[in-house]
Amino acid sequence: MGDERDASTITTERRGHVLLIGLNRAHKRNAFTLAMLEELALAYGELERDRELRCGVLFAHGEHFTGGLDLADVAPAIQVDGTLTVPEGGRQPWRLDGLPYTTPIVAAAHGWCITLGIELLLAADIRIASSDTRFTQLEVQRGIYPFGGATIRFPREAGWGNAMRWLLTGDEFDAAEALRIGLVQEVVEPGADVERAILLAERIAERSAPLGVQATLRSAQLAIREGESAAAARLQPDVVPLMRSEDGAEGLLSFVERRAARFTGR
């Protein structure tokens, strides 16, 4: 099973070039404590730092993806100055630290996916949901508002009206609605979400050139941060080093030889 840390509230397992990251506080519906958030940040840091890792899978152990934040544990820290610290070597799980990321994440949700859970999905690149998943962004019903990125990403992904329908009411919605509005890209049978996420992650890790994946993410992030014109200005200049790379040569050769490419990330 690889280097898995079962005693942790976050498990990690290497499977080839894929890092499986599991939420592992099932007896509390995977509700996040400060310690659990720090462990998740360290796993994200490992995923981004290790060049042997080409894709991550975020999933949950137990019956639910997450019940959100364990407010009894987390609220006192937030009330001090509104910030949650990221340990050395970690990366912010919401991916809102202003730093680019170059390793994609496929997320798999089932059961309850509440508040922070939706924001973790929105921070991922591809989202899969089991048909039994129930979603709710209910912060407004608790006197606060989403502060992990939902106010930024939800309208962008789902459209203003679709996002506000759920952000402003805190109502519950199902996987079919999540698919309709673009919160998730696929809905699968109950119990099949993790398997599907791993399959997609392995397709990215094994069939796609790592340098090409990294460049794709950089370009898309640049368009979001600085606008389409800034990203468009870099399209042709940034493809030149890719075409001159070993993987670029391998991609061309595999096309000529009509075979699957064997990429090394160089």
C-alpha atoms as a PDB file:
ATOM      1  CA  MET A   1       0.000   0.000   0.000  1.00  0.00           C
ATOM      2  CA  GLY A   2       3.004   2.350  -0.144  1.00  0.00           C
ATOM      3  CA  ASP A   3       4.036   4.769   2.613  1.00  0.00           C
ATOM      4  CA  GLU A   4       0.627   5.121   4.295  1.00  0.00           C
ATOM      5  CA  ARG A   5       0.194   6.875   7.653  1.00  0.00           C
ATOM      6  CA  ASP A   6      -2.922   5.179   9.010  1.00  0.00           C
ATOM      7  CA  ALA A   7      -2.738   6.751  12.489  1.00  0.00           C
ATOM      8  CA  SER A   8      -2.940  10.236  11.027  1.00  0.00           C
ATOM      9  CA  THR A   9      -6.049  12.283  10.355  1.00  0.00           C
ATOM     10  CA  ILE A  10      -4.669  12.528   6.825  1.00  0.00           C
ATOM     11  CA  THR A  11      -3.340   9.428   5.055  1.00  0.00           C
ATOM     12  CA  THR A  12      -0.982   9.508   2.114  1.00  0.00           C
ATOM     13  CA  GLU A  13      -0.168   6.684  -0.261  1.00  0.00           C
ATOM     14  CA  ARG A  14       2.052   6.747  -3.315  1.00  0.00           C
ATOM     15  CA  ARG A  15       0.775   4.757  -6.246  1.00  0.00           C
ATOM     16  CA  GLY A  16       3.303   5.165  -9.023  1.00  0.00           C
ATOM     17  CA  HIS A  17       3.325   8.864  -9.920  1.00  0.00           C
ATOM     18  CA  VAL A  18       0.032   9.497  -8.082  1.00  0.00           C
ATOM     19  CA  LEU A  19      -0.308  10.596  -4.454  1.00  0.00           C
ATOM     20  CA  LEU A  20      -3.521   9.494  -2.737  1.00  0.00           C
ATOM     21  CA  ILE A  21      -4.511  11.908   0.040  1.00  0.00           C
ATOM     22  CA  GLY A  22      -7.222  10.611   2.361  1.00  0.00           C
ATOM     23  CA  LEU A  23      -9.300  12.454   4.960  1.00  0.00           C
ATOM     24  CA  ASN A  24      -9.150  10.110   7.933  1.00  0.00           C
ATOM     25  CA  ARG A  25     -11.296  11.331  10.835  1.00  0.00           C
ATOM     26  CA  ALA A  26     -14.248   9.202   9.872  1.00  0.00           C
ATOM     27  CA  HIS A  27     -15.673   8.905  13.392  1.00  0.00           C
ATOM     28  CA  LYS A  28     -16.279  12.687  13.266  1.00  0.00           C
ATOM     29  CA  ARG A  29     -17.498  12.776   9.659  1.00  0.00           C
ATOM     30  CA  ASN A  30     -14.005  13.967   8.710  1.00  0.00           C
ATOM     31  CA  ALA A  31     -14.651  17.343  10.314  1.00  0.00           C
ATOM     32  CA  PHE A  32     -11.441  19.362  10.225  1.00  0.00           C
ATOM     33  CA  THR A  33      -9.496  20.301  13.325  1.00  0.00           C
ATOM     34  CA  LEU A  34      -6.492  22.632  13.224  1.00  0.00           C
ATOM     35  CA  ALA A  35      -4.181  19.624  13.336  1.00  0.00           C
ATOM     36  CA  MET A  36      -6.011  17.979  10.446  1.00  0.00           C
ATOM     37  CA  LEU A  37      -5.775  21.157   8.360  1.00  0.00           C
ATOM     38  CA  GLU A  38      -2.036  21.289   9.000  1.00  0.00           C
ATOM     39  CA  GLU A  39      -1.619  17.654   7.991  1.00  0.00           C
ATOM     40  CA  LEU A  40      -3.555  18.262   4.794  1.00  0.00           C
ATOM     41  CA  ALA A  41      -1.364  21.282   4.049  1.00  0.00           C
ATOM     42  CA  LEU A  42       1.745  19.121   4.467  1.00  0.00           C
ATOM     43  CA  ALA A  43       0.336  16.528   2.058  1.00  0.00           C
ATOM     44  CA  TYR A  44      -0.350  19.266  -0.496  1.00  0.00           C
ATOM     45  CA  GLY A  45       3.175  20.545   0.025  1.00  0.00           C
ATOM     46  CA  GLU A  46       4.569  17.094  -0.687  1.00  0.00           C
ATOM     47  CA  LEU A  47       2.457  16.801  -3.820  1.00  0.00           C
ATOM     48  CA  GLU A  48       3.672  20.128  -5.156  1.00  0.00           C
ATOM     49  CA  ARG A  49       7.312  19.702  -4.167  1.00  0.00           C
ATOM     50  CA  ASP A  50       8.068  16.149  -5.328  1.00  0.00           C
ATOM     51  CA  ARG A  51       8.662  16.073  -9.101  1.00  0.00           C
ATOM     52  CA  GLU A  52       8.095  12.320  -9.169  1.00  0.00           C
ATOM     53  CA  LEU A  53       4.455  13.003  -8.327  1.00  0.00           C
ATOM     54  CA  ARG A  54       2.401  13.955 -11.364  1.00  0.00           C
ATOM     55  CA  CYS A  55      -1.131  14.018  -9.948  1.00  0.00           C
ATOM     56  CA  GLY A  56      -2.944  13.869  -6.621  1.00  0.00           C
ATOM     57  CA  VAL A  57      -6.236  12.305  -5.556  1.00  0.00           C
ATOM     58  CA  LEU A  58      -8.152  13.822  -2.642  1.00  0.00           C
ATOM     59  CA  PHE A  59     -10.689  11.424  -1.131  1.00  0.00           C
ATOM     60  CA  ALA A  60     -12.216  10.488   2.208  1.00  0.00           C
ATOM     61  CA  HIS A  61     -12.216   7.419   4.407  1.00  0.00           C
ATOM     62  CA  GLY A  62     -15.539   6.452   5.975  1.00  0.00           C
ATOM     63  CA  GLU A  63     -19.110   7.310   5.030  1.00  0.00           C
ATOM     64  CA  HIS A  64     -18.681  11.038   4.362  1.00  0.00           C
ATOM     65  CA  PHE A  65     -16.301  13.337   2.510  1.00  0.00           C
ATOM     66  CA  THR A  66     -16.360  15.940   5.272  1.00  0.00           C
ATOM     67  CA  GLY A  67     -18.700  17.648   7.691  1.00  0.00           C
ATOM     68  CA  GLY A  68     -16.675  20.849   7.284  1.00  0.00           C
ATOM     69  CA  LEU A  69     -14.741  22.554  10.043  1.00  0.00           C
ATOM     70  CA  ASP A  70     -14.856  21.325  13.625  1.00  0.00           C
ATOM     71  CA  LEU A  71     -15.753  24.819  14.839  1.00  0.00           C
ATOM     72  CA  ALA A  72     -15.235  23.968  18.495  1.00  0.00           C
ATOM     73  CA  ASP A  73     -11.581  23.363  17.686  1.00  0.00           C
ATOM     74  CA  VAL A  74     -11.004  25.849  14.861  1.00  0.00           C
ATOM     75  CA  ALA A  75     -13.144  28.891  15.755  1.00  0.00           C
ATOM     76  CA  PRO A  76     -10.963  30.157  18.652  1.00  0.00           C
ATOM     77  CA  ALA A  77      -7.945  30.331  16.351  1.00  0.00           C
ATOM     78  CA  ILE A  78      -9.892  32.116  13.611  1.00  0.00           C
ATOM     79  CA  GLN A  79     -11.319  34.645  16.066  1.00  0.00           C
ATOM     80  CA  VAL A  80      -7.813  35.870  16.919  1.00  0.00           C
ATOM     81  CA  ASP A  81      -7.036  37.405  13.518  1.00  0.00           C
ATOM     82  CA  GLY A  82      -9.031  35.462  10.939  1.00  0.00           C
ATOM     83  CA  THR A  83      -6.091  33.447   9.637  1.00  0.00           C
ATOM     84  CA  LEU A  84      -5.137  29.790   9.686  1.00  0.00           C
ATOM     85  CA  THR A  85      -1.417  29.081   9.568  1.00  0.00           C
ATOM     86  CA  VAL A  86       0.278  26.719   7.143  1.00  0.00           C
ATOM     87  CA  PRO A  87       3.176  24.693   8.586  1.00  0.00           C
ATOM     88  CA  GLU A  88       6.642  24.856   7.070  1.00  0.00           C
ATOM     89  CA  GLY A  89       6.796  22.623   4.032  1.00  0.00           C
ATOM     90  CA  GLY A  90       3.038  22.776   3.514  1.00  0.00           C
ATOM     91  CA  ARG A  91       0.815  24.458   0.962  1.00  0.00           C
ATOM     92  CA  GLN A  92      -2.559  26.015   1.651  1.00  0.00           C
ATOM     93  CA  PRO A  93      -5.241  23.403   0.786  1.00  0.00           C
ATOM     94  CA  TRP A  94      -7.523  26.111  -0.624  1.00  0.00           C
ATOM     95  CA  ARG A  95      -4.784  27.066  -3.082  1.00  0.00           C
ATOM     96  CA  LEU A  96      -5.386  30.754  -2.427  1.00  0.00           C
ATOM     97  CA  ASP A  97      -1.904  31.656  -1.184  1.00  0.00           C
ATOM     98  CA  GLY A  98      -1.051  33.557  -4.360  1.00  0.00           C
ATOM     99  CA  LEU A  99       1.534  30.977  -5.412  1.00  0.00           C
ATOM    100  CA  PRO A 100       1.093  28.953  -8.616  1.00  0.00           C
ATOM    101  CA  TYR A 101       0.631  25.205  -8.388  1.00  0.00           C
ATOM    102  CA  THR A 102       1.833  22.781 -11.024  1.00  0.00           C
ATOM    103  CA  THR A 103       0.477  19.389  -9.925  1.00  0.00           C
ATOM    104  CA  PRO A 104      -3.197  18.679 -10.640  1.00  0.00           C
ATOM    105  CA  ILE A 105      -5.613  17.201  -8.111  1.00  0.00           C
ATOM    106  CA  VAL A 106      -8.622  14.998  -8.820  1.00  0.00           C
ATOM    107  CA  ALA A 107     -11.106  15.066  -5.923  1.00  0.00           C
ATOM    108  CA  ALA A 108     -13.681  12.373  -5.079  1.00  0.00           C
ATOM    109  CA  ALA A 109     -16.663  13.116  -2.820  1.00  0.00           C
ATOM    110  CA  HIS A 110     -19.378  10.962  -1.265  1.00  0.00           C
ATOM    111  CA  GLY A 111     -21.819  11.208   1.626  1.00  0.00           C
ATOM    112  CA  TRP A 112     -21.883  14.650   3.220  1.00  0.00           C
ATOM    113  CA  CYS A 113     -19.795  17.355   1.560  1.00  0.00           C
ATOM    114  CA  ILE A 114     -20.288  20.414   3.714  1.00  0.00           C
ATOM    115  CA  THR A 115     -18.780  23.942   3.659  1.00  0.00           C
ATOM    116  CA  LEU A 116     -14.994  23.403   3.545  1.00  0.00           C
ATOM    117  CA  GLY A 117     -15.621  20.226   1.568  1.00  0.00           C
ATOM    118  CA  ILE A 118     -17.127  22.191  -1.311  1.00  0.00           C
ATOM    119  CA  GLU A 119     -14.229  24.638  -1.144  1.00  0.00           C
ATOM    120  CA  LEU A 120     -11.693  21.815  -1.316  1.00  0.00           C
ATOM    121  CA  LEU A 121     -13.509  20.486  -4.385  1.00  0.00           C
ATOM    122  CA  LEU A 122     -13.449  23.928  -5.975  1.00  0.00           C
ATOM    123  CA  ALA A 123      -9.698  24.132  -5.327  1.00  0.00           C
ATOM    124  CA  ALA A 124      -9.170  20.825  -7.144  1.00  0.00           C
ATOM    125  CA  ASP A 125      -8.870  20.561 -10.914  1.00  0.00           C
ATOM    126  CA  ILE A 126     -11.304  17.714 -11.621  1.00  0.00           C
ATOM    127  CA  ARG A 127     -14.166  16.716  -9.299  1.00  0.00           C
ATOM    128  CA  ILE A 128     -15.999  13.409  -9.088  1.00  0.00           C
ATOM    129  CA  ALA A 129     -19.046  12.772  -6.882  1.00  0.00           C
ATOM    130  CA  SER A 130     -20.856   9.638  -5.887  1.00  0.00           C
ATOM    131  CA  SER A 131     -24.581   9.864  -6.661  1.00  0.00           C
ATOM    132  CA  ASP A 132     -25.329   9.757  -2.923  1.00  0.00           C
ATOM    133  CA  THR A 133     -23.349  12.939  -2.171  1.00  0.00           C
ATOM    134  CA  ARG A 134     -25.191  15.730  -0.361  1.00  0.00           C
ATOM    135  CA  PHE A 135     -23.806  19.262  -0.557  1.00  0.00           C
ATOM    136  CA  THR A 136     -24.397  22.374   1.498  1.00  0.00           C
ATOM    137  CA  GLN A 137     -22.517  25.655   1.888  1.00  0.00           C
ATOM    138  CA  LEU A 138     -24.297  26.605   5.084  1.00  0.00           C
ATOM    139  CA  GLU A 139     -22.006  29.237   6.633  1.00  0.00           C
ATOM    140  CA  VAL A 140     -24.670  31.945   6.376  1.00  0.00           C
ATOM    141  CA  GLN A 141     -26.855  29.807   8.623  1.00  0.00           C
ATOM    142  CA  ARG A 142     -24.106  29.956  11.284  1.00  0.00           C
ATOM    143  CA  GLY A 143     -23.626  33.715  11.205  1.00  0.00           C
ATOM    144  CA  ILE A 144     -20.476  33.684   9.043  1.00  0.00           C
ATOM    145  CA  TYR A 145     -19.664  33.286   5.359  1.00  0.00           C
ATOM    146  CA  PRO A 146     -17.426  30.959   3.286  1.00  0.00           C
ATOM    147  CA  PHE A 147     -13.825  32.044   3.754  1.00  0.00           C
ATOM    148  CA  GLY A 148     -12.030  29.226   1.940  1.00  0.00           C
ATOM    149  CA  GLY A 149     -12.648  30.400  -1.600  1.00  0.00           C
ATOM    150  CA  ALA A 150     -16.288  29.556  -2.367  1.00  0.00           C
ATOM    151  CA  THR A 151     -17.258  33.218  -2.829  1.00  0.00           C
ATOM    152  CA  ILE A 152     -14.541  33.473  -5.498  1.00  0.00           C
ATOM    153  CA  ARG A 153     -14.657  30.133  -7.254  1.00  0.00           C
ATOM    154  CA  PHE A 154     -18.296  29.073  -6.977  1.00  0.00           C
ATOM    155  CA  PRO A 155     -19.646  31.976  -9.103  1.00  0.00           C
ATOM    156  CA  ARG A 156     -16.846  31.421 -11.612  1.00  0.00           C
ATOM    157  CA  GLU A 157     -17.539  27.693 -11.932  1.00  0.00           C
ATOM    158  CA  ALA A 158     -21.337  27.648 -11.680  1.00  0.00           C
ATOM    159  CA  GLY A 159     -22.396  31.127 -12.783  1.00  0.00           C
ATOM    160  CA  TRP A 160     -23.576  33.921 -10.500  1.00  0.00           C
ATOM    161  CA  GLY A 161     -27.196  32.876 -10.055  1.00  0.00           C
ATOM    162  CA  ASN A 162     -26.430  29.190  -9.556  1.00  0.00           C
ATOM    163  CA  ALA A 163     -23.778  29.996  -6.969  1.00  0.00           C
ATOM    164  CA  MET A 164     -25.846  32.539  -5.063  1.00  0.00           C
ATOM    165  CA  ARG A 165     -28.808  30.163  -4.967  1.00  0.00           C
ATOM    166  CA  TRP A 166     -26.777  27.934  -2.647  1.00  0.00           C
ATOM    167  CA  LEU A 167     -24.347  30.408  -1.054  1.00  0.00           C
ATOM    168  CA  LEU A 168     -27.043  32.792   0.182  1.00  0.00           C
ATOM    169  CA  THR A 169     -29.520  30.189   1.445  1.00  0.00           C
ATOM    170  CA  GLY A 170     -27.244  27.455   2.752  1.00  0.00           C
ATOM    171  CA  ASP A 171     -29.748  24.947   1.375  1.00  0.00           C
ATOM    172  CA  GLU A 172     -28.794  21.353   0.693  1.00  0.00           C
ATOM    173  CA  PHE A 173     -28.432  20.109  -2.888  1.00  0.00           C
ATOM    174  CA  ASP A 174     -27.663  16.759  -4.483  1.00  0.00           C
ATOM    175  CA  ALA A 175     -25.112  15.331  -6.900  1.00  0.00           C
ATOM    176  CA  ALA A 176     -27.368  15.839  -9.916  1.00  0.00           C
ATOM    177  CA  GLU A 177     -27.530  19.572  -9.181  1.00  0.00           C
ATOM    178  CA  ALA A 178     -23.775  19.676  -8.546  1.00  0.00           C
ATOM    179  CA  LEU A 179     -23.260  18.180 -11.996  1.00  0.00           C
ATOM    180  CA  ARG A 180     -25.750  20.544 -13.634  1.00  0.00           C
ATOM    181  CA  ILE A 181     -24.007  23.666 -12.334  1.00  0.00           C
ATOM    182  CA  GLY A 182     -20.468  22.412 -12.931  1.00  0.00           C
ATOM    183  CA  LEU A 183     -19.399  21.912  -9.330  1.00  0.00           C
ATOM    184  CA  VAL A 184     -18.498  18.346 -10.301  1.00  0.00           C
ATOM    185  CA  GLN A 185     -17.577  16.943 -13.696  1.00  0.00           C
ATOM    186  CA  GLU A 186     -18.854  13.382 -13.249  1.00  0.00           C
ATOM    187  CA  VAL A 187     -21.358  11.559 -11.049  1.00  0.00           C
ATOM    188  CA  VAL A 188     -20.794   7.847 -10.495  1.00  0.00           C
ATOM    189  CA  GLU A 189     -22.507   5.020  -8.656  1.00  0.00           C
ATOM    190  CA  PRO A 190     -22.146   4.977  -4.839  1.00  0.00           C
ATOM    191  CA  GLY A 191     -18.764   3.618  -3.849  1.00  0.00           C
ATOM    192  CA  ALA A 192     -17.171   4.194  -7.261  1.00  0.00           C
ATOM    193  CA  ASP A 193     -15.981   7.780  -6.760  1.00  0.00           C
ATOM    194  CA  VAL A 194     -12.471   7.025  -5.514  1.00  0.00           C
ATOM    195  CA  GLU A 195     -11.833   4.380  -8.157  1.00  0.00           C
ATOM    196  CA  ARG A 196     -12.895   6.790 -10.903  1.00  0.00           C
ATOM    197  CA  ALA A 197     -10.741   9.594  -9.484  1.00  0.00           C
ATOM    198  CA  ILE A 198      -7.713   7.307  -9.338  1.00  0.00           C
ATOM    199  CA  LEU A 199      -8.302   6.194 -12.918  1.00  0.00           C
ATOM    200  CA  LEU A 200      -8.352   9.788 -14.146  1.00  0.00           C
ATOM    201  CA  ALA A 201      -5.281  10.680 -12.069  1.00  0.00           C
ATOM    202  CA  GLU A 202      -3.394   7.707 -13.494  1.00  0.00           C
ATOM    203  CA  ARG A 203      -4.360   8.732 -17.018  1.00  0.00           C
ATOM    204  CA  ILE A 204      -2.888  12.173 -16.353  1.00  0.00           C
ATOM    205  CA  ALA A 205       0.235  10.750 -14.690  1.00  0.00           C
ATOM    206  CA  GLU A 206       0.924   8.019 -17.222  1.00  0.00           C
ATOM    207  CA  ARG A 207      -0.285   9.398 -20.559  1.00  0.00           C
ATOM    208  CA  SER A 208       0.311  13.152 -20.304  1.00  0.00           C
ATOM    209  CA  ALA A 209       3.690  14.870 -20.493  1.00  0.00           C
ATOM    210  CA  PRO A 210       4.475  16.353 -17.059  1.00  0.00           C
ATOM    211  CA  LEU A 211       5.931  19.543 -18.546  1.00  0.00           C
ATOM    212  CA  GLY A 212       2.843  19.935 -20.717  1.00  0.00           C
ATOM    213  CA  VAL A 213       0.531  19.457 -17.724  1.00  0.00           C
ATOM    214  CA  GLN A 214       2.492  22.025 -15.712  1.00  0.00           C
ATOM    215  CA  ALA A 215       2.401  24.530 -18.571  1.00  0.00           C
ATOM    216  CA  THR A 216      -1.339  23.995 -19.027  1.00  0.00           C
ATOM    217  CA  LEU A 217      -2.000  24.739 -15.361  1.00  0.00           C
ATOM    218  CA  ARG A 218       0.258  27.814 -15.411  1.00  0.00           C
ATOM    219  CA  SER A 219      -1.494  29.210 -18.478  1.00  0.00           C
ATOM    220  CA  ALA A 220      -4.988  28.684 -17.052  1.00  0.00           C
ATOM    221  CA  GLN A 221      -4.010  30.187 -13.701  1.00  0.00           C
ATOM    222  CA  LEU A 222      -2.427  33.195 -15.410  1.00  0.00           C
ATOM    223  CA  ALA A 223      -5.664  33.809 -17.297  1.00  0.00           C
ATOM    224  CA  ILE A 224      -7.586  33.804 -14.024  1.00  0.00           C
ATOM    225  CA  ARG A 225      -5.113  36.018 -12.155  1.00  0.00           C
ATOM    226  CA  GLU A 226      -4.160  38.526 -14.837  1.00  0.00           C
ATOM    227  CA  GLY A 227      -6.737  38.077 -17.588  1.00  0.00           C
ATOM    228  CA  GLU A 228      -6.959  36.428 -20.973  1.00  0.00           C
ATOM    229  CA  SER A 229      -4.652  38.923 -22.707  1.00  0.00           C
ATOM    230  CA  ALA A 230      -1.798  38.181 -20.316  1.00  0.00           C
ATOM    231  CA  ALA A 231      -2.225  34.451 -20.810  1.00  0.00           C
ATOM    232  CA  ALA A 232      -2.572  34.783 -24.589  1.00  0.00           C
ATOM    233  CA  ALA A 233       0.700  36.715 -24.770  1.00  0.00           C
ATOM    234  CA  ARG A 234       2.523  33.728 -23.260  1.00  0.00           C
ATOM    235  CA  LEU A 235       0.965  30.948 -25.359  1.00  0.00           C
ATOM    236  CA  GLN A 236       3.452  30.813 -28.217  1.00  0.00           C
ATOM    237  CA  PRO A 237       6.589  31.817 -26.253  1.00  0.00           C
ATOM    238  CA  ASP A 238       5.923  29.166 -23.628  1.00  0.00           C
ATOM    239  CA  VAL A 239       5.369  26.362 -26.110  1.00  0.00           C
ATOM    240  CA  VAL A 240       8.887  26.751 -27.545  1.00  0.00           C
ATOM    241  CA  PRO A 241      10.766  25.207 -24.576  1.00  0.00           C
ATOM    242  CA  LEU A 242       8.202  22.398 -24.496  1.00  0.00           C
ATOM    243  CA  MET A 243       8.842  21.562 -28.122  1.00  0.00           C
ATOM    244  CA  ARG A 244      12.586  21.637 -27.480  1.00  0.00           C
ATOM    245  CA  SER A 245      12.358  19.371 -24.418  1.00  0.00           C
ATOM    246  CA  GLU A 246      13.034  15.641 -24.339  1.00  0.00           C
ATOM    247  CA  ASP A 247       9.332  15.035 -23.794  1.00  0.00           C
ATOM    248  CA  GLY A 248       8.521  17.229 -26.775  1.00  0.00           C
ATOM    249  CA  ALA A 249      10.818  15.149 -28.946  1.00  0.00           C
ATOM    250  CA  GLU A 250       9.307  11.946 -27.543  1.00  0.00           C
ATOM    251  CA  GLY A 251       5.800  13.194 -28.234  1.00  0.00           C
ATOM    252  CA  LEU A 252       6.653  13.882 -31.878  1.00  0.00           C
ATOM    253  CA  LEU A 253       8.480  10.564 -32.260  1.00  0.00           C
ATOM    254  CA  SER A 254       5.599   8.608 -30.730  1.00  0.00           C
ATOM    255  CA  PHE A 255       3.233  10.298 -33.192  1.00  0.00           C
ATOM    256  CA  VAL A 256       5.423   9.355 -36.149  1.00  0.00           C
ATOM    257  CA  GLU A 257       5.882   5.796 -34.861  1.00  0.00           C
ATOM    258  CA  ARG A 258       2.198   5.447 -33.956  1.00  0.00           C
ATOM    259  CA  ARG A 259       2.796   4.320 -30.369  1.00  0.00           C
ATOM    260  CA  ALA A 260       2.122   5.514 -26.824  1.00  0.00           C
ATOM    261  CA  ALA A 261       4.607   8.135 -25.646  1.00  0.00           C
ATOM    262  CA  ARG A 262       6.967   7.462 -22.738  1.00  0.00           C
ATOM    263  CA  PHE A 263       7.391  10.770 -20.921  1.00  0.00           C
ATOM    264  CA  THR A 264      10.049  11.456 -18.277  1.00  0.00           C
ATOM    265  CA  GLY A 265       9.356  15.049 -17.299  1.00  0.00           C
ATOM    266  CA  ARG A 266      12.496  16.392 -18.970  1.00  0.00           C
END
